[in-house]
Amino acid sequence: VYGMLMAKSTYEGVKLATRKKRPFVLTRAGYIGSQRYAATWTGDNLSTWEHLHMSIQMVLSL
């Protein structure tokens, strides 16, 4: 929950600061609904099947 609320408050703060531009927020924390406010960074992955497998599991768990 903390990650989503942090992303939401950052999104709303950037939106107030730059009224004419759409905010772009990138976060490592994720929770259900946080995609509404921020993109989720999955880390520095290598081009291997093992890392692809881990990335898919991470994204599906959001």
PDB file of N, CA and C in Angstrom:
ATOM      1  N   VAL A   1       0.830  -1.181   0.000  1.00  0.00           N
ATOM      2  CA  VAL A   1       0.000   0.000   0.000  1.00  0.00           C
ATOM      3  C   VAL A   1       0.881   1.253   0.000  1.00  0.00           C
ATOM      4  N   TYR A   2       1.992   1.213   0.749  1.00  0.00           N
ATOM      5  CA  TYR A   2       2.871   2.375   0.843  1.00  0.00           C
ATOM      6  C   TYR A   2       3.390   2.784  -0.535  1.00  0.00           C
ATOM      7  N   GLY A   3       3.793   1.799  -1.351  1.00  0.00           N
ATOM      8  CA  GLY A   3       4.316   2.107  -2.679  1.00  0.00           C
ATOM      9  C   GLY A   3       3.296   2.802  -3.555  1.00  0.00           C
ATOM     10  N   MET A   4       2.034   2.340  -3.505  1.00  0.00           N
ATOM     11  CA  MET A   4       0.994   2.959  -4.316  1.00  0.00           C
ATOM     12  C   MET A   4       0.697   4.382  -3.841  1.00  0.00           C
ATOM     13  N   LEU A   5       0.617   4.574  -2.534  1.00  0.00           N
ATOM     14  CA  LEU A   5       0.335   5.910  -2.013  1.00  0.00           C
ATOM     15  C   LEU A   5       1.481   6.878  -2.286  1.00  0.00           C
ATOM     16  N   MET A   6       2.705   6.383  -2.244  1.00  0.00           N
ATOM     17  CA  MET A   6       3.856   7.224  -2.572  1.00  0.00           C
ATOM     18  C   MET A   6       3.813   7.623  -4.051  1.00  0.00           C
ATOM     19  N   ALA A   7       3.484   6.671  -4.929  1.00  0.00           N
ATOM     20  CA  ALA A   7       3.387   6.972  -6.356  1.00  0.00           C
ATOM     21  C   ALA A   7       2.248   7.951  -6.623  1.00  0.00           C
ATOM     22  N   LYS A   8       1.128   7.772  -5.938  1.00  0.00           N
ATOM     23  CA  LYS A   8      -0.022   8.665  -6.118  1.00  0.00           C
ATOM     24  C   LYS A   8       0.310  10.088  -5.686  1.00  0.00           C
ATOM     25  N   SER A   9       0.933  10.245  -4.527  1.00  0.00           N
ATOM     26  CA  SER A   9       1.263  11.592  -4.056  1.00  0.00           C
ATOM     27  C   SER A   9       2.320  12.251  -4.936  1.00  0.00           C
ATOM     28  N   THR A  10       3.277  11.472  -5.434  1.00  0.00           N
ATOM     29  CA  THR A  10       4.274  12.018  -6.358  1.00  0.00           C
ATOM     30  C   THR A  10       3.609  12.457  -7.652  1.00  0.00           C
ATOM     31  N   TYR A  11       2.729  11.622  -8.192  1.00  0.00           N
ATOM     32  CA  TYR A  11       2.001  11.947  -9.423  1.00  0.00           C
ATOM     33  C   TYR A  11       1.208  13.242  -9.254  1.00  0.00           C
ATOM     34  N   GLU A  12       0.469  13.337  -8.159  1.00  0.00           N
ATOM     35  CA  GLU A  12      -0.350  14.533  -7.937  1.00  0.00           C
ATOM     36  C   GLU A  12       0.509  15.774  -7.713  1.00  0.00           C
ATOM     37  N   GLY A  13       1.653  15.624  -7.033  1.00  0.00           N
ATOM     38  CA  GLY A  13       2.552  16.761  -6.830  1.00  0.00           C
ATOM     39  C   GLY A  13       3.172  17.254  -8.123  1.00  0.00           C
ATOM     40  N   VAL A  14       3.616  16.327  -8.967  1.00  0.00           N
ATOM     41  CA  VAL A  14       4.193  16.709 -10.261  1.00  0.00           C
ATOM     42  C   VAL A  14       3.116  17.316 -11.153  1.00  0.00           C
ATOM     43  N   LYS A  15       1.909  16.794 -11.069  1.00  0.00           N
ATOM     44  CA  LYS A  15       0.800  17.330 -11.869  1.00  0.00           C
ATOM     45  C   LYS A  15       0.497  18.780 -11.481  1.00  0.00           C
ATOM     46  N   LEU A  16       0.556  19.081 -10.198  1.00  0.00           N
ATOM     47  CA  LEU A  16       0.346  20.464  -9.751  1.00  0.00           C
ATOM     48  C   LEU A  16       1.497  21.377 -10.170  1.00  0.00           C
ATOM     49  N   ALA A  17       2.712  20.867 -10.141  1.00  0.00           N
ATOM     50  CA  ALA A  17       3.886  21.676 -10.480  1.00  0.00           C
ATOM     51  C   ALA A  17       3.975  21.966 -11.971  1.00  0.00           C
ATOM     52  N   THR A  18       3.563  21.024 -12.798  1.00  0.00           N
ATOM     53  CA  THR A  18       3.617  21.189 -14.258  1.00  0.00           C
ATOM     54  C   THR A  18       2.212  21.022 -14.816  1.00  0.00           C
ATOM     55  N   ARG A  19       1.442  22.058 -14.729  1.00  0.00           N
ATOM     56  CA  ARG A  19       0.017  21.989 -15.063  1.00  0.00           C
ATOM     57  C   ARG A  19      -0.272  21.621 -16.517  1.00  0.00           C
ATOM     58  N   LYS A  20       0.607  21.966 -17.439  1.00  0.00           N
ATOM     59  CA  LYS A  20       0.319  21.730 -18.853  1.00  0.00           C
ATOM     60  C   LYS A  20       0.911  20.430 -19.378  1.00  0.00           C
ATOM     61  N   LYS A  21       1.683  19.739 -18.546  1.00  0.00           N
ATOM     62  CA  LYS A  21       2.325  18.507 -18.997  1.00  0.00           C
ATOM     63  C   LYS A  21       1.831  17.322 -18.175  1.00  0.00           C
ATOM     64  N   ARG A  22       1.759  16.166 -18.829  1.00  0.00           N
ATOM     65  CA  ARG A  22       1.365  14.948 -18.134  1.00  0.00           C
ATOM     66  C   ARG A  22       2.555  14.418 -17.338  1.00  0.00           C
ATOM     67  N   PRO A  23       2.376  14.104 -16.068  1.00  0.00           N
ATOM     68  CA  PRO A  23       3.492  13.621 -15.247  1.00  0.00           C
ATOM     69  C   PRO A  23       3.979  12.238 -15.679  1.00  0.00           C
ATOM     70  N   PHE A  24       5.271  12.008 -15.550  1.00  0.00           N
ATOM     71  CA  PHE A  24       5.845  10.679 -15.735  1.00  0.00           C
ATOM     72  C   PHE A  24       6.532  10.305 -14.438  1.00  0.00           C
ATOM     73  N   VAL A  25       6.040   9.270 -13.798  1.00  0.00           N
ATOM     74  CA  VAL A  25       6.590   8.807 -12.526  1.00  0.00           C
ATOM     75  C   VAL A  25       7.021   7.360 -12.709  1.00  0.00           C
ATOM     76  N   LEU A  26       8.219   7.047 -12.265  1.00  0.00           N
ATOM     77  CA  LEU A  26       8.769   5.700 -12.350  1.00  0.00           C
ATOM     78  C   LEU A  26       9.066   5.230 -10.933  1.00  0.00           C
ATOM     79  N   THR A  27       8.589   4.049 -10.577  1.00  0.00           N
ATOM     80  CA  THR A  27       8.767   3.553  -9.217  1.00  0.00           C
ATOM     81  C   THR A  27       9.206   2.097  -9.206  1.00  0.00           C
ATOM     82  N   ARG A  28       9.877   1.706  -8.146  1.00  0.00           N
ATOM     83  CA  ARG A  28      10.236   0.296  -7.958  1.00  0.00           C
ATOM     84  C   ARG A  28       9.201  -0.407  -7.102  1.00  0.00           C
ATOM     85  N   ALA A  29       8.475   0.357  -6.306  1.00  0.00           N
ATOM     86  CA  ALA A  29       7.448  -0.225  -5.448  1.00  0.00           C
ATOM     87  C   ALA A  29       6.177  -0.455  -6.259  1.00  0.00           C
ATOM     88  N   GLY A  30       5.501  -1.540  -5.986  1.00  0.00           N
ATOM     89  CA  GLY A  30       4.286  -1.824  -6.721  1.00  0.00           C
ATOM     90  C   GLY A  30       3.206  -2.395  -5.831  1.00  0.00           C
ATOM     91  N   TYR A  31       1.974  -2.096  -6.170  1.00  0.00           N
ATOM     92  CA  TYR A  31       0.815  -2.622  -5.464  1.00  0.00           C
ATOM     93  C   TYR A  31      -0.363  -2.551  -6.418  1.00  0.00           C
ATOM     94  N   ILE A  32      -1.431  -3.233  -6.105  1.00  0.00           N
ATOM     95  CA  ILE A  32      -2.608  -3.229  -6.966  1.00  0.00           C
ATOM     96  C   ILE A  32      -3.088  -1.790  -7.158  1.00  0.00           C
ATOM     97  N   GLY A  33      -3.183  -1.350  -8.402  1.00  0.00           N
ATOM     98  CA  GLY A  33      -3.652  -0.008  -8.708  1.00  0.00           C
ATOM     99  C   GLY A  33      -2.557   1.029  -8.866  1.00  0.00           C
ATOM    100  N   SER A  34      -1.326   0.697  -8.532  1.00  0.00           N
ATOM    101  CA  SER A  34      -0.255   1.690  -8.636  1.00  0.00           C
ATOM    102  C   SER A  34       0.080   2.028 -10.082  1.00  0.00           C
ATOM    103  N   GLN A  35      -0.311   1.169 -11.024  1.00  0.00           N
ATOM    104  CA  GLN A  35      -0.049   1.442 -12.439  1.00  0.00           C
ATOM    105  C   GLN A  35      -0.826   2.663 -12.923  1.00  0.00           C
ATOM    106  N   ARG A  36      -1.840   3.061 -12.189  1.00  0.00           N
ATOM    107  CA  ARG A  36      -2.610   4.251 -12.533  1.00  0.00           C
ATOM    108  C   ARG A  36      -1.774   5.519 -12.379  1.00  0.00           C
ATOM    109  N   TYR A  37      -0.800   5.483 -11.486  1.00  0.00           N
ATOM    110  CA  TYR A  37      -0.026   6.671 -11.160  1.00  0.00           C
ATOM    111  C   TYR A  37       1.431   6.615 -11.594  1.00  0.00           C
ATOM    112  N   ALA A  38       1.978   5.436 -11.775  1.00  0.00           N
ATOM    113  CA  ALA A  38       3.404   5.338 -12.082  1.00  0.00           C
ATOM    114  C   ALA A  38       3.707   4.076 -12.873  1.00  0.00           C
ATOM    115  N   ALA A  39       4.761   4.151 -13.653  1.00  0.00           N
ATOM    116  CA  ALA A  39       5.278   2.963 -14.334  1.00  0.00           C
ATOM    117  C   ALA A  39       6.153   2.205 -13.340  1.00  0.00           C
ATOM    118  N   THR A  40       6.124   0.882 -13.406  1.00  0.00           N
ATOM    119  CA  THR A  40       6.905   0.062 -12.485  1.00  0.00           C
ATOM    120  C   THR A  40       8.194  -0.381 -13.148  1.00  0.00           C
ATOM    121  N   TRP A  41       9.307  -0.063 -12.503  1.00  0.00           N
ATOM    122  CA  TRP A  41      10.621  -0.441 -13.018  1.00  0.00           C
ATOM    123  C   TRP A  41      10.930  -1.844 -12.534  1.00  0.00           C
ATOM    124  N   THR A  42      11.251  -2.745 -13.445  1.00  0.00           N
ATOM    125  CA  THR A  42      11.497  -4.138 -13.071  1.00  0.00           C
ATOM    126  C   THR A  42      12.968  -4.431 -12.810  1.00  0.00           C
ATOM    127  N   GLY A  43      13.821  -3.461 -12.904  1.00  0.00           N
ATOM    128  CA  GLY A  43      15.227  -3.657 -12.580  1.00  0.00           C
ATOM    129  C   GLY A  43      16.109  -3.760 -13.807  1.00  0.00           C
ATOM    130  N   ASP A  44      17.375  -3.937 -13.554  1.00  0.00           N
ATOM    131  CA  ASP A  44      18.356  -4.082 -14.631  1.00  0.00           C
ATOM    132  C   ASP A  44      18.455  -5.553 -15.009  1.00  0.00           C
ATOM    133  N   ASN A  45      17.693  -5.938 -16.010  1.00  0.00           N
ATOM    134  CA  ASN A  45      17.659  -7.337 -16.430  1.00  0.00           C
ATOM    135  C   ASN A  45      18.657  -7.599 -17.547  1.00  0.00           C
ATOM    136  N   LEU A  46      19.111  -8.830 -17.595  1.00  0.00           N
ATOM    137  CA  LEU A  46      19.968  -9.282 -18.692  1.00  0.00           C
ATOM    138  C   LEU A  46      19.098  -9.934 -19.760  1.00  0.00           C
ATOM    139  N   SER A  47      19.655 -10.114 -20.916  1.00  0.00           N
ATOM    140  CA  SER A  47      18.926 -10.760 -22.013  1.00  0.00           C
ATOM    141  C   SER A  47      19.083 -12.275 -21.919  1.00  0.00           C
ATOM    142  N   THR A  48      18.529 -12.831 -20.855  1.00  0.00           N
ATOM    143  CA  THR A  48      18.577 -14.282 -20.674  1.00  0.00           C
ATOM    144  C   THR A  48      17.165 -14.783 -20.391  1.00  0.00           C
ATOM    145  N   TRP A  49      16.950 -16.073 -20.618  1.00  0.00           N
ATOM    146  CA  TRP A  49      15.635 -16.664 -20.359  1.00  0.00           C
ATOM    147  C   TRP A  49      15.303 -16.620 -18.873  1.00  0.00           C
ATOM    148  N   GLU A  50      16.314 -16.775 -18.036  1.00  0.00           N
ATOM    149  CA  GLU A  50      16.091 -16.738 -16.590  1.00  0.00           C
ATOM    150  C   GLU A  50      15.564 -15.370 -16.147  1.00  0.00           C
ATOM    151  N   HIS A  51      16.156 -14.314 -16.664  1.00  0.00           N
ATOM    152  CA  HIS A  51      15.702 -12.964 -16.308  1.00  0.00           C
ATOM    153  C   HIS A  51      14.329 -12.671 -16.900  1.00  0.00           C
ATOM    154  N   LEU A  52      14.057 -13.177 -18.093  1.00  0.00           N
ATOM    155  CA  LEU A  52      12.724 -13.013 -18.672  1.00  0.00           C
ATOM    156  C   LEU A  52      11.686 -13.699 -17.788  1.00  0.00           C
ATOM    157  N   HIS A  53      11.991 -14.888 -17.325  1.00  0.00           N
ATOM    158  CA  HIS A  53      11.087 -15.632 -16.452  1.00  0.00           C
ATOM    159  C   HIS A  53      10.813 -14.847 -15.162  1.00  0.00           C
ATOM    160  N   MET A  54      11.860 -14.280 -14.561  1.00  0.00           N
ATOM    161  CA  MET A  54      11.687 -13.507 -13.330  1.00  0.00           C
ATOM    162  C   MET A  54      10.869 -12.243 -13.584  1.00  0.00           C
ATOM    163  N   SER A  55      11.076 -11.593 -14.722  1.00  0.00           N
ATOM    164  CA  SER A  55      10.333 -10.371 -15.042  1.00  0.00           C
ATOM    165  C   SER A  55       8.854 -10.657 -15.219  1.00  0.00           C
ATOM    166  N   ILE A  56       8.535 -11.763 -15.884  1.00  0.00           N
ATOM    167  CA  ILE A  56       7.130 -12.123 -16.089  1.00  0.00           C
ATOM    168  C   ILE A  56       6.456 -12.386 -14.748  1.00  0.00           C
ATOM    169  N   GLN A  57       7.126 -13.110 -13.864  1.00  0.00           N
ATOM    170  CA  GLN A  57       6.558 -13.364 -12.537  1.00  0.00           C
ATOM    171  C   GLN A  57       6.341 -12.070 -11.765  1.00  0.00           C
ATOM    172  N   MET A  58       7.284 -11.144 -11.870  1.00  0.00           N
ATOM    173  CA  MET A  58       7.165  -9.877 -11.156  1.00  0.00           C
ATOM    174  C   MET A  58       5.981  -9.064 -11.667  1.00  0.00           C
ATOM    175  N   VAL A  59       5.847  -8.963 -12.973  1.00  0.00           N
ATOM    176  CA  VAL A  59       4.779  -8.155 -13.559  1.00  0.00           C
ATOM    177  C   VAL A  59       3.413  -8.776 -13.274  1.00  0.00           C
ATOM    178  N   LEU A  60       3.313 -10.090 -13.339  1.00  0.00           N
ATOM    179  CA  LEU A  60       2.033 -10.747 -13.073  1.00  0.00           C
ATOM    180  C   LEU A  60       1.622 -10.661 -11.607  1.00  0.00           C
ATOM    181  N   SER A  61       2.555 -10.425 -10.722  1.00  0.00           N
ATOM    182  CA  SER A  61       2.213 -10.330  -9.304  1.00  0.00           C
ATOM    183  C   SER A  61       1.743  -8.934  -8.901  1.00  0.00           C
ATOM    184  N   LEU A  62       1.799  -7.970  -9.798  1.00  0.00           N
ATOM    185  CA  LEU A  62       1.331  -6.621  -9.462  1.00  0.00           C
ATOM    186  C   LEU A  62      -0.173  -6.548  -9.443  1.00  0.00           C
TER     187      LEU A  62
END
